[in-house]
């Protein structure tokens, strides 16, 4: 039982690394899965295998969120870069206009 609680705590620590808006969903998901497997027959299923799957799934979710975050950051940088190049273009065009 101690091992199960230790792993559940580890999964919840991983959930805390997620963005705040997704934490409740994944915390509930983790709890439901631990409750569902509470009555699993240990002779048929390896608990270590179940724990490894839960841990791997948690890492997958974290990587997925990080990729989305990185993609958003790159998109913002591209938008800023294109906005600054547009302003430079406007400035250079304005300097070409004859002064009256």
Protein backbone atom coordinates (compact mmCIF):
# COMPACT_ATOMS: atom_id res chain seq x y z
CA UNK A 1 0.00 0.00 0.00
CA UNK A 2 2.86 2.40 0.79
CA UNK A 3 4.30 1.87 -2.68
CA UNK A 4 0.94 2.70 -4.29
CA UNK A 5 0.60 5.93 -2.28
CA UNK A 6 4.19 6.90 -3.08
CA UNK A 7 3.58 6.46 -6.81
CA UNK A 8 0.24 8.28 -6.64
CA UNK A 9 2.00 11.18 -4.93
CA UNK A 10 4.65 11.16 -7.67
CA UNK A 11 1.99 11.33 -10.35
CA UNK A 12 0.32 14.25 -8.57
CA UNK A 13 3.68 16.04 -8.37
CA UNK A 14 3.97 15.65 -12.14
CA UNK A 15 0.44 17.04 -12.51
CA UNK A 16 1.54 20.16 -10.61
CA UNK A 17 4.04 20.86 -13.38
CA UNK A 18 1.22 21.26 -15.90
CA UNK A 19 -0.43 24.60 -16.68
CA UNK A 20 -2.92 25.64 -14.00
CA UNK A 21 -5.96 25.30 -16.25
CA UNK A 22 -5.28 21.60 -16.97
CA UNK A 23 -4.28 20.44 -13.47
CA UNK A 24 -7.77 19.62 -12.15
CA UNK A 25 -8.54 17.43 -15.16
CA UNK A 26 -5.34 15.39 -14.92
CA UNK A 27 -5.48 15.13 -11.11
CA UNK A 28 -9.00 13.72 -11.42
CA UNK A 29 -7.87 11.41 -14.24
CA UNK A 30 -5.02 10.07 -12.09
CA UNK A 31 -7.29 9.51 -9.10
CA UNK A 32 -9.91 7.71 -11.17
CA UNK A 33 -7.29 5.38 -12.61
CA UNK A 34 -5.83 4.57 -9.21
CA UNK A 35 -9.35 3.87 -7.88
CA UNK A 36 -10.17 1.71 -10.91
CA UNK A 37 -7.08 -0.43 -10.42
CA UNK A 38 -7.48 -0.67 -6.65
CA UNK A 39 -9.04 -4.12 -6.92
CA UNK A 40 -6.68 -5.49 -9.55
CA UNK A 41 -5.52 -9.07 -9.04
CA UNK A 42 -1.77 -8.86 -8.46
CA UNK A 43 -1.21 -12.39 -9.70
CA UNK A 44 -2.52 -11.51 -13.17
CA UNK A 45 -1.19 -7.98 -13.57
CA UNK A 46 2.14 -6.60 -12.53
CA UNK A 47 1.73 -3.50 -10.39
CA UNK A 48 5.10 -2.27 -11.61
CA UNK A 49 3.80 -2.45 -15.17
CA UNK A 50 0.71 -0.39 -14.25
CA UNK A 51 2.83 2.17 -12.41
CA UNK A 52 5.24 2.43 -15.33
CA UNK A 53 2.37 3.02 -17.75
CA UNK A 54 0.93 5.74 -15.52
CA UNK A 55 4.31 7.42 -15.17
CA UNK A 56 5.01 7.23 -18.92
CA UNK A 57 1.58 8.68 -19.68
CA UNK A 58 2.24 11.55 -17.28
CA UNK A 59 5.56 12.31 -18.93
CA UNK A 60 3.90 12.20 -22.35
CA UNK A 61 1.31 14.77 -21.24
CA UNK A 62 4.06 17.03 -19.86
CA UNK A 63 6.06 16.82 -23.09
CA UNK A 64 2.92 17.51 -25.13
CA UNK A 65 2.17 20.64 -23.09
CA UNK A 66 5.80 21.79 -23.37
CA UNK A 67 5.72 21.39 -27.16
CA UNK A 68 2.53 23.47 -27.36
CA UNK A 69 4.07 26.11 -25.11
CA UNK A 70 7.24 26.21 -27.23
CA UNK A 71 5.20 26.39 -30.44
CA UNK A 72 3.18 29.32 -29.04
CA UNK A 73 6.38 31.10 -28.02
CA UNK A 74 7.88 30.68 -31.51
CA UNK A 75 4.68 31.95 -33.09
CA UNK A 76 4.75 35.06 -30.88
CA UNK A 77 8.38 35.68 -31.82
CA UNK A 78 7.52 35.37 -35.51
CA UNK A 79 4.64 37.82 -35.10
CA UNK A 80 6.88 40.30 -33.28
CA UNK A 81 9.58 39.94 -35.93
CA UNK A 82 7.16 40.48 -38.79
CA UNK A 83 5.63 43.48 -37.02
CA UNK A 84 9.04 45.08 -36.50
CA UNK A 85 10.05 44.43 -40.12
CA UNK A 86 6.81 46.04 -41.30
CA UNK A 87 7.51 49.13 -39.22
CA UNK A 88 11.07 49.28 -40.65
CA UNK A 89 9.65 48.98 -44.16
CA UNK A 90 7.21 51.81 -43.49
CA UNK A 91 10.03 53.93 -42.09
CA UNK A 92 12.22 53.33 -45.13
CA UNK A 93 9.37 54.17 -47.51
CA UNK A 94 8.67 57.37 -45.63
CA UNK A 95 12.30 58.41 -45.96
CA UNK A 96 12.09 57.93 -49.75
CA UNK A 97 9.17 60.32 -50.14
CA UNK A 98 10.12 63.81 -51.30
CA UNK A 99 9.81 66.46 -48.67
CA UNK A 100 7.58 69.40 -49.45
